[in-house]
Amino acid sequence: MIGRDQGAQNMSDKQKPRFVGEITDLYMWDYVLKS
């Protein structure tokens, strides 16, 4: 997920980290990219 913390089980919903802003260009690879 983007924008919601599924962890932090001991926190109340009010305390859990959220996201306000913009996200773009998300990429993920199953290896470490070279510099």
Full PDB file with SEQRES, HELIX, SHEET, SSBOND, CRYST1, ORIGX, SCALE, CONECT and MASTER records, all heavy atoms in Angstrom:
SEQRES   1 A   35  MET ILE GLY ARG ASP GLN GLY ALA GLN ASN MET SER ASP          
SEQRES   2 A   35  LYS GLN LYS PRO ARG PHE VAL GLY GLU ILE THR ASP LEU          
SEQRES   3 A   35  TYR MET TRP ASP TYR VAL LEU LYS SER                          
CRYST1    1.000    1.000    1.000  90.00  90.00  90.00 P 1           1          
ORIGX1      1.000000  0.000000  0.000000        0.00000                         
ORIGX2      0.000000  1.000000  0.000000        0.00000                         
ORIGX3      0.000000  0.000000  1.000000        0.00000                         
SCALE1      1.000000  0.000000  0.000000        0.00000                         
SCALE2      0.000000  1.000000  0.000000        0.00000                         
SCALE3      0.000000  0.000000  1.000000        0.00000                         
ATOM      1  N   MET A   1       0.825  -1.200   0.000  1.00  0.00           N  
ATOM      2  CA  MET A   1       0.000   0.000   0.000  1.00  0.00           C  
ATOM      3  C   MET A   1       0.863   1.256   0.000  1.00  0.00           C  
ATOM      4  O   MET A   1       1.985   1.252   0.514  1.00  0.00           O  
ATOM      5  CB  MET A   1      -0.899   0.052   1.247  1.00  0.00           C  
ATOM      6  CG  MET A   1      -1.975  -0.992   1.311  1.00  0.00           C  
ATOM      7  SD  MET A   1      -3.029  -0.722   2.772  1.00  0.00           S  
ATOM      8  CE  MET A   1      -4.141  -2.121   2.621  1.00  0.00           C  
ATOM      9  N   ILE A   2       0.306   2.313  -0.556  1.00  0.00           N  
ATOM     10  CA  ILE A   2       0.855   3.659  -0.452  1.00  0.00           C  
ATOM     11  C   ILE A   2      -0.155   4.490   0.335  1.00  0.00           C  
ATOM     12  O   ILE A   2      -1.360   4.438   0.069  1.00  0.00           O  
ATOM     13  CB  ILE A   2       1.072   4.294  -1.834  1.00  0.00           C  
ATOM     14  CG1 ILE A   2       1.915   3.400  -2.739  1.00  0.00           C  
ATOM     15  CG2 ILE A   2       1.723   5.660  -1.711  1.00  0.00           C  
ATOM     16  CD1 ILE A   2       1.972   3.869  -4.182  1.00  0.00           C  
ATOM     17  N   GLY A   3       0.329   5.252   1.309  1.00  0.00           N  
ATOM     18  CA  GLY A   3      -0.536   6.176   2.039  1.00  0.00           C  
ATOM     19  C   GLY A   3      -1.111   5.632   3.322  1.00  0.00           C  
ATOM     20  O   GLY A   3      -1.776   6.363   4.064  1.00  0.00           O  
ATOM     21  N   ARG A   4      -0.865   4.366   3.642  1.00  0.00           N  
ATOM     22  CA  ARG A   4      -1.393   3.775   4.872  1.00  0.00           C  
ATOM     23  C   ARG A   4      -0.368   2.850   5.482  1.00  0.00           C  
ATOM     24  O   ARG A   4       0.227   2.036   4.783  1.00  0.00           O  
ATOM     25  CB  ARG A   4      -2.675   3.003   4.586  1.00  0.00           C  
ATOM     26  CG  ARG A   4      -3.297   2.344   5.808  1.00  0.00           C  
ATOM     27  CD  ARG A   4      -4.621   1.683   5.437  1.00  0.00           C  
ATOM     28  NE  ARG A   4      -5.223   1.015   6.572  1.00  0.00           N  
ATOM     29  CZ  ARG A   4      -6.399   0.387   6.530  1.00  0.00           C  
ATOM     30  NH1 ARG A   4      -7.090   0.371   5.403  1.00  0.00           N  
ATOM     31  NH2 ARG A   4      -6.896  -0.203   7.588  1.00  0.00           N  
ATOM     32  N   ASP A   5      -0.153   2.977   6.792  1.00  0.00           N  
ATOM     33  CA  ASP A   5       0.779   2.115   7.513  1.00  0.00           C  
ATOM     34  C   ASP A   5       0.023   0.901   8.024  1.00  0.00           C  
ATOM     35  O   ASP A   5      -0.842   1.013   8.890  1.00  0.00           O  
ATOM     36  CB  ASP A   5       1.408   2.886   8.676  1.00  0.00           C  
ATOM     37  CG  ASP A   5       2.546   2.121   9.331  1.00  0.00           C  
ATOM     38  OD1 ASP A   5       2.761   0.949   8.958  1.00  0.00           O  
ATOM     39  OD2 ASP A   5       3.216   2.692  10.204  1.00  0.00           O  
ATOM     40  N   GLN A   6       0.338  -0.273   7.486  1.00  0.00           N  
ATOM     41  CA  GLN A   6      -0.334  -1.496   7.918  1.00  0.00           C  
ATOM     42  C   GLN A   6       0.275  -2.071   9.185  1.00  0.00           C  
ATOM     43  O   GLN A   6      -0.272  -2.991   9.779  1.00  0.00           O  
ATOM     44  CB  GLN A   6      -0.267  -2.547   6.814  1.00  0.00           C  
ATOM     45  CG  GLN A   6      -0.893  -2.091   5.512  1.00  0.00           C  
ATOM     46  CD  GLN A   6      -0.669  -3.094   4.408  1.00  0.00           C  
ATOM     47  OE1 GLN A   6      -1.352  -4.115   4.321  1.00  0.00           O  
ATOM     48  NE2 GLN A   6       0.299  -2.819   3.547  1.00  0.00           N  
ATOM     49  N   GLY A   7       1.445  -1.563   9.584  1.00  0.00           N  
ATOM     50  CA  GLY A   7       2.097  -2.035  10.796  1.00  0.00           C  
ATOM     51  C   GLY A   7       1.657  -1.218  11.993  1.00  0.00           C  
ATOM     52  O   GLY A   7       0.520  -0.791  12.111  1.00  0.00           O  
ATOM     53  N   ALA A   8       2.596  -0.986  12.894  1.00  0.00           N  
ATOM     54  CA  ALA A   8       2.337  -0.172  14.087  1.00  0.00           C  
ATOM     55  C   ALA A   8       1.089  -0.659  14.811  1.00  0.00           C  
ATOM     56  O   ALA A   8       0.182   0.102  15.129  1.00  0.00           O  
ATOM     57  CB  ALA A   8       2.195   1.298  13.698  1.00  0.00           C  
ATOM     58  N   GLN A   9       1.043  -1.972  15.088  1.00  0.00           N  
ATOM     59  CA  GLN A   9      -0.164  -2.567  15.652  1.00  0.00           C  
ATOM     60  C   GLN A   9      -0.507  -2.032  17.039  1.00  0.00           C  
ATOM     61  O   GLN A   9      -1.670  -2.053  17.447  1.00  0.00           O  
ATOM     62  CB  GLN A   9       0.005  -4.099  15.720  1.00  0.00           C  
ATOM     63  CG  GLN A   9       0.198  -4.757  14.366  1.00  0.00           C  
ATOM     64  CD  GLN A   9      -0.975  -4.543  13.432  1.00  0.00           C  
ATOM     65  OE1 GLN A   9      -2.115  -4.436  13.867  1.00  0.00           O  
ATOM     66  NE2 GLN A   9      -0.698  -4.451  12.139  1.00  0.00           N  
ATOM     67  N   ASN A  10       0.502  -1.558  17.781  1.00  0.00           N  
ATOM     68  CA  ASN A  10       0.248  -1.058  19.129  1.00  0.00           C  
ATOM     69  C   ASN A  10      -0.239   0.378  19.153  1.00  0.00           C  
ATOM     70  O   ASN A  10      -0.529   0.930  20.206  1.00  0.00           O  
ATOM     71  CB  ASN A  10       1.512  -1.188  19.987  1.00  0.00           C  
ATOM     72  CG  ASN A  10       1.927  -2.638  20.184  1.00  0.00           C  
ATOM     73  OD1 ASN A  10       1.071  -3.511  20.272  1.00  0.00           O  
ATOM     74  ND2 ASN A  10       3.223  -2.888  20.249  1.00  0.00           N  
ATOM     75  N   MET A  11      -0.290   1.021  17.994  1.00  0.00           N  
ATOM     76  CA  MET A  11      -0.742   2.415  17.925  1.00  0.00           C  
ATOM     77  C   MET A  11      -2.238   2.482  17.628  1.00  0.00           C  
ATOM     78  O   MET A  11      -2.791   1.609  16.951  1.00  0.00           O  
ATOM     79  CB  MET A  11       0.008   3.169  16.824  1.00  0.00           C  
ATOM     80  CG  MET A  11       1.469   3.381  17.077  1.00  0.00           C  
ATOM     81  SD  MET A  11       2.192   4.406  15.748  1.00  0.00           S  
ATOM     82  CE  MET A  11       3.896   4.472  16.293  1.00  0.00           C  
ATOM     83  N   SER A  12      -2.866   3.520  18.121  1.00  0.00           N  
ATOM     84  CA  SER A  12      -4.251   3.773  17.738  1.00  0.00           C  
ATOM     85  C   SER A  12      -4.276   4.278  16.304  1.00  0.00           C  
ATOM     86  O   SER A  12      -3.254   4.716  15.756  1.00  0.00           O  
ATOM     87  CB  SER A  12      -4.871   4.824  18.659  1.00  0.00           C  
ATOM     88  OG  SER A  12      -4.258   6.085  18.447  1.00  0.00           O  
ATOM     89  N   ASP A  13      -5.452   4.231  15.677  1.00  0.00           N  
ATOM     90  CA  ASP A  13      -5.575   4.735  14.306  1.00  0.00           C  
ATOM     91  C   ASP A  13      -5.140   6.186  14.214  1.00  0.00           C  
ATOM     92  O   ASP A  13      -4.555   6.616  13.218  1.00  0.00           O  
ATOM     93  CB  ASP A  13      -7.022   4.596  13.822  1.00  0.00           C  
ATOM     94  CG  ASP A  13      -7.344   3.170  13.395  1.00  0.00           C  
ATOM     95  OD1 ASP A  13      -6.398   2.423  13.090  1.00  0.00           O  
ATOM     96  OD2 ASP A  13      -8.526   2.806  13.374  1.00  0.00           O  
ATOM     97  N   LYS A  14      -5.415   6.965  15.259  1.00  0.00           N  
ATOM     98  CA  LYS A  14      -5.062   8.383  15.242  1.00  0.00           C  
ATOM     99  C   LYS A  14      -3.561   8.588  15.257  1.00  0.00           C  
ATOM    100  O   LYS A  14      -3.029   9.538  14.692  1.00  0.00           O  
ATOM    101  CB  LYS A  14      -5.708   9.083  16.430  1.00  0.00           C  
ATOM    102  CG  LYS A  14      -5.583  10.602  16.401  1.00  0.00           C  
ATOM    103  CD  LYS A  14      -6.363  11.242  17.529  1.00  0.00           C  
ATOM    104  CE  LYS A  14      -6.257  12.768  17.476  1.00  0.00           C  
ATOM    105  NZ  LYS A  14      -7.035  13.403  18.569  1.00  0.00           N  
ATOM    106  N   GLN A  15      -2.815   7.670  15.919  1.00  0.00           N  
ATOM    107  CA  GLN A  15      -1.370   7.808  16.042  1.00  0.00           C  
ATOM    108  C   GLN A  15      -0.608   7.275  14.836  1.00  0.00           C  
ATOM    109  O   GLN A  15       0.544   7.634  14.628  1.00  0.00           O  
ATOM    110  CB  GLN A  15      -0.884   7.057  17.294  1.00  0.00           C  
ATOM    111  CG  GLN A  15      -1.351   7.660  18.613  1.00  0.00           C  
ATOM    112  CD  GLN A  15      -0.969   6.766  19.783  1.00  0.00           C  
ATOM    113  OE1 GLN A  15      -1.127   5.545  19.739  1.00  0.00           O  
ATOM    114  NE2 GLN A  15      -0.450   7.380  20.829  1.00  0.00           N  
ATOM    115  N   LYS A  16      -1.232   6.415  14.042  1.00  0.00           N  
ATOM    116  CA  LYS A  16      -0.506   5.769  12.948  1.00  0.00           C  
ATOM    117  C   LYS A  16      -0.069   6.786  11.908  1.00  0.00           C  
ATOM    118  O   LYS A  16      -0.801   7.721  11.591  1.00  0.00           O  
ATOM    119  CB  LYS A  16      -1.385   4.697  12.291  1.00  0.00           C  
ATOM    120  CG  LYS A  16      -1.496   3.421  13.110  1.00  0.00           C  
ATOM    121  CD  LYS A  16      -2.189   2.325  12.321  1.00  0.00           C  
ATOM    122  CE  LYS A  16      -2.229   1.033  13.108  1.00  0.00           C  
ATOM    123  NZ  LYS A  16      -2.851  -0.069  12.336  1.00  0.00           N  
ATOM    124  N   PRO A  17       1.152   6.597  11.373  1.00  0.00           N  
ATOM    125  CA  PRO A  17       1.638   7.521  10.340  1.00  0.00           C  
ATOM    126  C   PRO A  17       0.744   7.510   9.107  1.00  0.00           C  
ATOM    127  O   PRO A  17       0.248   6.466   8.694  1.00  0.00           O  
ATOM    128  CB  PRO A  17       3.037   6.976  10.006  1.00  0.00           C  
ATOM    129  CG  PRO A  17       3.420   6.143  11.170  1.00  0.00           C  
ATOM    130  CD  PRO A  17       2.142   5.575  11.711  1.00  0.00           C  
ATOM    131  N   ARG A  18       0.522   8.679   8.539  1.00  0.00           N  
ATOM    132  CA  ARG A  18      -0.261   8.811   7.324  1.00  0.00           C  
ATOM    133  C   ARG A  18       0.606   9.504   6.266  1.00  0.00           C  
ATOM    134  O   ARG A  18       1.784   9.768   6.485  1.00  0.00           O  
ATOM    135  CB  ARG A  18      -1.521   9.648   7.584  1.00  0.00           C  
ATOM    136  CG  ARG A  18      -2.321   9.172   8.784  1.00  0.00           C  
ATOM    137  CD  ARG A  18      -3.465   8.271   8.382  1.00  0.00           C  
ATOM    138  NE  ARG A  18      -4.273   7.949   9.543  1.00  0.00           N  
ATOM    139  CZ  ARG A  18      -4.463   6.725  10.006  1.00  0.00           C  
ATOM    140  NH1 ARG A  18      -3.904   5.703   9.402  1.00  0.00           N  
ATOM    141  NH2 ARG A  18      -5.215   6.499  11.060  1.00  0.00           N  
ATOM    142  N   PHE A  19      -0.013   9.830   5.163  1.00  0.00           N  
ATOM    143  CA  PHE A  19       0.706  10.542   4.116  1.00  0.00           C  
ATOM    144  C   PHE A  19      -0.195  11.623   3.549  1.00  0.00           C  
ATOM    145  O   PHE A  19      -1.338  11.349   3.170  1.00  0.00           O  
ATOM    146  CB  PHE A  19       1.140   9.583   3.004  1.00  0.00           C  
ATOM    147  CG  PHE A  19       1.959  10.245   1.936  1.00  0.00           C  
ATOM    148  CD1 PHE A  19       3.325  10.364   2.072  1.00  0.00           C  
ATOM    149  CD2 PHE A  19       1.361  10.781   0.803  1.00  0.00           C  
ATOM    150  CE1 PHE A  19       4.089  10.996   1.096  1.00  0.00           C  
ATOM    151  CE2 PHE A  19       2.102  11.413  -0.172  1.00  0.00           C  
ATOM    152  CZ  PHE A  19       3.477  11.519  -0.024  1.00  0.00           C  
ATOM    153  N   VAL A  20       0.313  12.860   3.511  1.00  0.00           N  
ATOM    154  CA  VAL A  20      -0.376  13.972   2.853  1.00  0.00           C  
ATOM    155  C   VAL A  20       0.617  14.589   1.885  1.00  0.00           C  
ATOM    156  O   VAL A  20       1.689  15.052   2.290  1.00  0.00           O  
ATOM    157  CB  VAL A  20      -0.873  15.024   3.857  1.00  0.00           C  
ATOM    158  CG1 VAL A  20      -1.569  16.178   3.121  1.00  0.00           C  
ATOM    159  CG2 VAL A  20      -1.828  14.407   4.870  1.00  0.00           C  
ATOM    160  N   GLY A  21       0.308  14.565   0.621  1.00  0.00           N  
ATOM    161  CA  GLY A  21       1.225  15.075  -0.389  1.00  0.00           C  
ATOM    162  C   GLY A  21       1.078  14.317  -1.687  1.00  0.00           C  
ATOM    163  O   GLY A  21      -0.015  13.846  -2.024  1.00  0.00           O  
ATOM    164  N   GLU A  22       2.174  14.169  -2.419  1.00  0.00           N  
ATOM    165  CA  GLU A  22       2.137  13.496  -3.713  1.00  0.00           C  
ATOM    166  C   GLU A  22       3.256  12.462  -3.822  1.00  0.00           C  
ATOM    167  O   GLU A  22       4.362  12.674  -3.320  1.00  0.00           O  
ATOM    168  CB  GLU A  22       2.273  14.518  -4.855  1.00  0.00           C  
ATOM    169  CG  GLU A  22       1.080  15.453  -4.969  1.00  0.00           C  
ATOM    170  CD  GLU A  22       1.145  16.375  -6.162  1.00  0.00           C  
ATOM    171  OE1 GLU A  22       2.240  16.536  -6.754  1.00  0.00           O  
ATOM    172  OE2 GLU A  22       0.092  16.947  -6.509  1.00  0.00           O  
ATOM    173  N   ILE A  23       2.933  11.367  -4.472  1.00  0.00           N  
ATOM    174  CA  ILE A  23       3.901  10.302  -4.766  1.00  0.00           C  
ATOM    175  C   ILE A  23       3.849  10.018  -6.259  1.00  0.00           C  
ATOM    176  O   ILE A  23       2.768   9.966  -6.862  1.00  0.00           O  
ATOM    177  CB  ILE A  23       3.591   9.022  -3.980  1.00  0.00           C  
ATOM    178  CG1 ILE A  23       3.849   9.230  -2.482  1.00  0.00           C  
ATOM    179  CG2 ILE A  23       4.427   7.856  -4.486  1.00  0.00           C  
ATOM    180  CD1 ILE A  23       3.604   8.003  -1.634  1.00  0.00           C  
ATOM    181  N   THR A  24       5.020   9.827  -6.845  1.00  0.00           N  
ATOM    182  CA  THR A  24       5.095   9.443  -8.256  1.00  0.00           C  
ATOM    183  C   THR A  24       6.353   8.610  -8.477  1.00  0.00           C  
ATOM    184  O   THR A  24       7.216   8.482  -7.599  1.00  0.00           O  
ATOM    185  CB  THR A  24       5.099  10.698  -9.159  1.00  0.00           C  
ATOM    186  OG1 THR A  24       4.979  10.288 -10.523  1.00  0.00           O  
ATOM    187  CG2 THR A  24       6.361  11.524  -8.995  1.00  0.00           C  
ATOM    188  N   ASP A  25       6.442   8.034  -9.646  1.00  0.00           N  
ATOM    189  CA  ASP A  25       7.638   7.300 -10.098  1.00  0.00           C  
ATOM    190  C   ASP A  25       8.117   6.272  -9.080  1.00  0.00           C  
ATOM    191  O   ASP A  25       9.303   6.213  -8.725  1.00  0.00           O  
ATOM    192  CB  ASP A  25       8.776   8.290 -10.411  1.00  0.00           C  
ATOM    193  CG  ASP A  25       8.451   9.196 -11.584  1.00  0.00           C  
ATOM    194  OD1 ASP A  25       7.512   8.872 -12.333  1.00  0.00           O  
ATOM    195  OD2 ASP A  25       9.111  10.241 -11.731  1.00  0.00           O  
ATOM    196  N   LEU A  26       7.193   5.421  -8.617  1.00  0.00           N  
ATOM    197  CA  LEU A  26       7.569   4.341  -7.701  1.00  0.00           C  
ATOM    198  C   LEU A  26       7.985   3.120  -8.523  1.00  0.00           C  
ATOM    199  O   LEU A  26       7.228   2.640  -9.369  1.00  0.00           O  
ATOM    200  CB  LEU A  26       6.404   3.996  -6.776  1.00  0.00           C  
ATOM    201  CG  LEU A  26       6.711   2.981  -5.664  1.00  0.00           C  
ATOM    202  CD1 LEU A  26       5.888   3.291  -4.418  1.00  0.00           C  
ATOM    203  CD2 LEU A  26       6.469   1.534  -6.101  1.00  0.00           C  
ATOM    204  N   TYR A  27       9.186   2.629  -8.252  1.00  0.00           N  
ATOM    205  CA  TYR A  27       9.735   1.456  -8.928  1.00  0.00           C  
ATOM    206  C   TYR A  27      10.362   0.538  -7.886  1.00  0.00           C  
ATOM    207  O   TYR A  27      10.908   1.004  -6.880  1.00  0.00           O  
ATOM    208  CB  TYR A  27      10.814   1.854  -9.945  1.00  0.00           C  
ATOM    209  CG  TYR A  27      10.305   2.705 -11.087  1.00  0.00           C  
ATOM    210  CD1 TYR A  27      10.268   4.094 -10.977  1.00  0.00           C  
ATOM    211  CD2 TYR A  27       9.861   2.118 -12.275  1.00  0.00           C  
ATOM    212  CE1 TYR A  27       9.794   4.883 -12.020  1.00  0.00           C  
ATOM    213  CE2 TYR A  27       9.388   2.897 -13.325  1.00  0.00           C  
ATOM    214  CZ  TYR A  27       9.358   4.281 -13.184  1.00  0.00           C  
ATOM    215  OH  TYR A  27       8.883   5.044 -14.223  1.00  0.00           O  
ATOM    216  N   MET A  28      10.297  -0.765  -8.145  1.00  0.00           N  
ATOM    217  CA  MET A  28      10.949  -1.726  -7.247  1.00  0.00           C  
ATOM    218  C   MET A  28      11.520  -2.869  -8.062  1.00  0.00           C  
ATOM    219  O   MET A  28      10.887  -3.353  -9.006  1.00  0.00           O  
ATOM    220  CB  MET A  28       9.958  -2.262  -6.214  1.00  0.00           C  
ATOM    221  CG  MET A  28      10.587  -3.103  -5.118  1.00  0.00           C  
ATOM    222  SD  MET A  28       9.381  -3.543  -3.832  1.00  0.00           S  
ATOM    223  CE  MET A  28      10.462  -4.321  -2.620  1.00  0.00           C  
ATOM    224  N   TRP A  29      12.729  -3.314  -7.670  1.00  0.00           N  
ATOM    225  CA  TRP A  29      13.440  -4.408  -8.322  1.00  0.00           C  
ATOM    226  C   TRP A  29      13.774  -5.469  -7.279  1.00  0.00           C  
ATOM    227  O   TRP A  29      13.917  -5.149  -6.089  1.00  0.00           O  
ATOM    228  CB  TRP A  29      14.738  -3.914  -8.961  1.00  0.00           C  
ATOM    229  CG  TRP A  29      14.582  -2.865 -10.024  1.00  0.00           C  
ATOM    230  CD1 TRP A  29      14.591  -3.057 -11.378  1.00  0.00           C  
ATOM    231  CD2 TRP A  29      14.412  -1.445  -9.839  1.00  0.00           C  
ATOM    232  NE1 TRP A  29      14.439  -1.861 -12.041  1.00  0.00           N  
ATOM    233  CE2 TRP A  29      14.325  -0.847 -11.128  1.00  0.00           C  
ATOM    234  CE3 TRP A  29      14.326  -0.607  -8.720  1.00  0.00           C  
ATOM    235  CZ2 TRP A  29      14.162   0.522 -11.315  1.00  0.00           C  
ATOM    236  CZ3 TRP A  29      14.158   0.757  -8.900  1.00  0.00           C  
ATOM    237  CH2 TRP A  29      14.075   1.312 -10.186  1.00  0.00           C  
ATOM    238  N   ASP A  30      13.960  -6.701  -7.720  1.00  0.00           N  
ATOM    239  CA  ASP A  30      14.313  -7.778  -6.791  1.00  0.00           C  
ATOM    240  C   ASP A  30      15.825  -7.975  -6.693  1.00  0.00           C  
ATOM    241  O   ASP A  30      16.314  -9.075  -6.456  1.00  0.00           O  
ATOM    242  CB  ASP A  30      13.620  -9.088  -7.184  1.00  0.00           C  
ATOM    243  CG  ASP A  30      14.040  -9.616  -8.552  1.00  0.00           C  
ATOM    244  OD1 ASP A  30      14.800  -8.915  -9.263  1.00  0.00           O  
ATOM    245  OD2 ASP A  30      13.601 -10.727  -8.917  1.00  0.00           O  
ATOM    246  N   TYR A  31      16.567  -6.898  -6.860  1.00  0.00           N  
ATOM    247  CA  TYR A  31      18.021  -6.902  -6.713  1.00  0.00           C  
ATOM    248  C   TYR A  31      18.465  -5.488  -6.361  1.00  0.00           C  
ATOM    249  O   TYR A  31      17.676  -4.537  -6.441  1.00  0.00           O  
ATOM    250  CB  TYR A  31      18.709  -7.381  -8.002  1.00  0.00           C  
ATOM    251  CG  TYR A  31      18.350  -6.587  -9.242  1.00  0.00           C  
ATOM    252  CD1 TYR A  31      19.122  -5.491  -9.649  1.00  0.00           C  
ATOM    253  CD2 TYR A  31      17.249  -6.945 -10.031  1.00  0.00           C  
ATOM    254  CE1 TYR A  31      18.799  -4.760 -10.793  1.00  0.00           C  
ATOM    255  CE2 TYR A  31      16.926  -6.226 -11.171  1.00  0.00           C  
ATOM    256  CZ  TYR A  31      17.698  -5.137 -11.538  1.00  0.00           C  
ATOM    257  OH  TYR A  31      17.378  -4.430 -12.664  1.00  0.00           O  
ATOM    258  N   VAL A  32      19.726  -5.351  -5.974  1.00  0.00           N  
ATOM    259  CA  VAL A  32      20.272  -4.036  -5.623  1.00  0.00           C  
ATOM    260  C   VAL A  32      20.797  -3.360  -6.888  1.00  0.00           C  
ATOM    261  O   VAL A  32      21.659  -3.902  -7.587  1.00  0.00           O  
ATOM    262  CB  VAL A  32      21.391  -4.175  -4.576  1.00  0.00           C  
ATOM    263  CG1 VAL A  32      22.060  -2.826  -4.319  1.00  0.00           C  
ATOM    264  CG2 VAL A  32      20.841  -4.745  -3.274  1.00  0.00           C  
ATOM    265  N   LEU A  33      20.255  -2.207  -7.186  1.00  0.00           N  
ATOM    266  CA  LEU A  33      20.720  -1.446  -8.340  1.00  0.00           C  
ATOM    267  C   LEU A  33      22.138  -0.942  -8.130  1.00  0.00           C  
ATOM    268  O   LEU A  33      22.539  -0.608  -7.010  1.00  0.00           O  
ATOM    269  CB  LEU A  33      19.813  -0.236  -8.573  1.00  0.00           C  
ATOM    270  CG  LEU A  33      18.388  -0.476  -9.080  1.00  0.00           C  
ATOM    271  CD1 LEU A  33      17.666   0.858  -9.194  1.00  0.00           C  
ATOM    272  CD2 LEU A  33      18.377  -1.196 -10.421  1.00  0.00           C  
ATOM    273  N   LYS A  34      22.890  -0.867  -9.202  1.00  0.00           N  
ATOM    274  CA  LYS A  34      24.198  -0.225  -9.162  1.00  0.00           C  
ATOM    275  C   LYS A  34      24.012   1.282  -8.966  1.00  0.00           C  
ATOM    276  O   LYS A  34      22.970   1.849  -9.294  1.00  0.00           O  
ATOM    277  CB  LYS A  34      24.964  -0.483 -10.469  1.00  0.00           C  
ATOM    278  CG  LYS A  34      25.146  -1.959 -10.794  1.00  0.00           C  
ATOM    279  CD  LYS A  34      26.050  -2.653  -9.793  1.00  0.00           C  
ATOM    280  CE  LYS A  34      26.346  -4.093 -10.208  1.00  0.00           C  
ATOM    281  NZ  LYS A  34      27.163  -4.811  -9.199  1.00  0.00           N  
ATOM    282  N   SER A  35      25.052   1.931  -8.463  1.00  0.00           N  
ATOM    283  CA  SER A  35      24.953   3.364  -8.170  1.00  0.00           C  
ATOM    284  C   SER A  35      24.642   4.175  -9.423  1.00  0.00           C  
ATOM    285  O   SER A  35      23.857   5.129  -9.372  1.00  0.00           O  
ATOM    286  CB  SER A  35      26.240   3.869  -7.516  1.00  0.00           C  
ATOM    287  OG  SER A  35      27.350   3.644  -8.361  1.00  0.00           O  
TER     288      SER A  35                                                      
MASTER        0    0    0    0    0    0    0    6  287    1    0    3          
END                                                                             
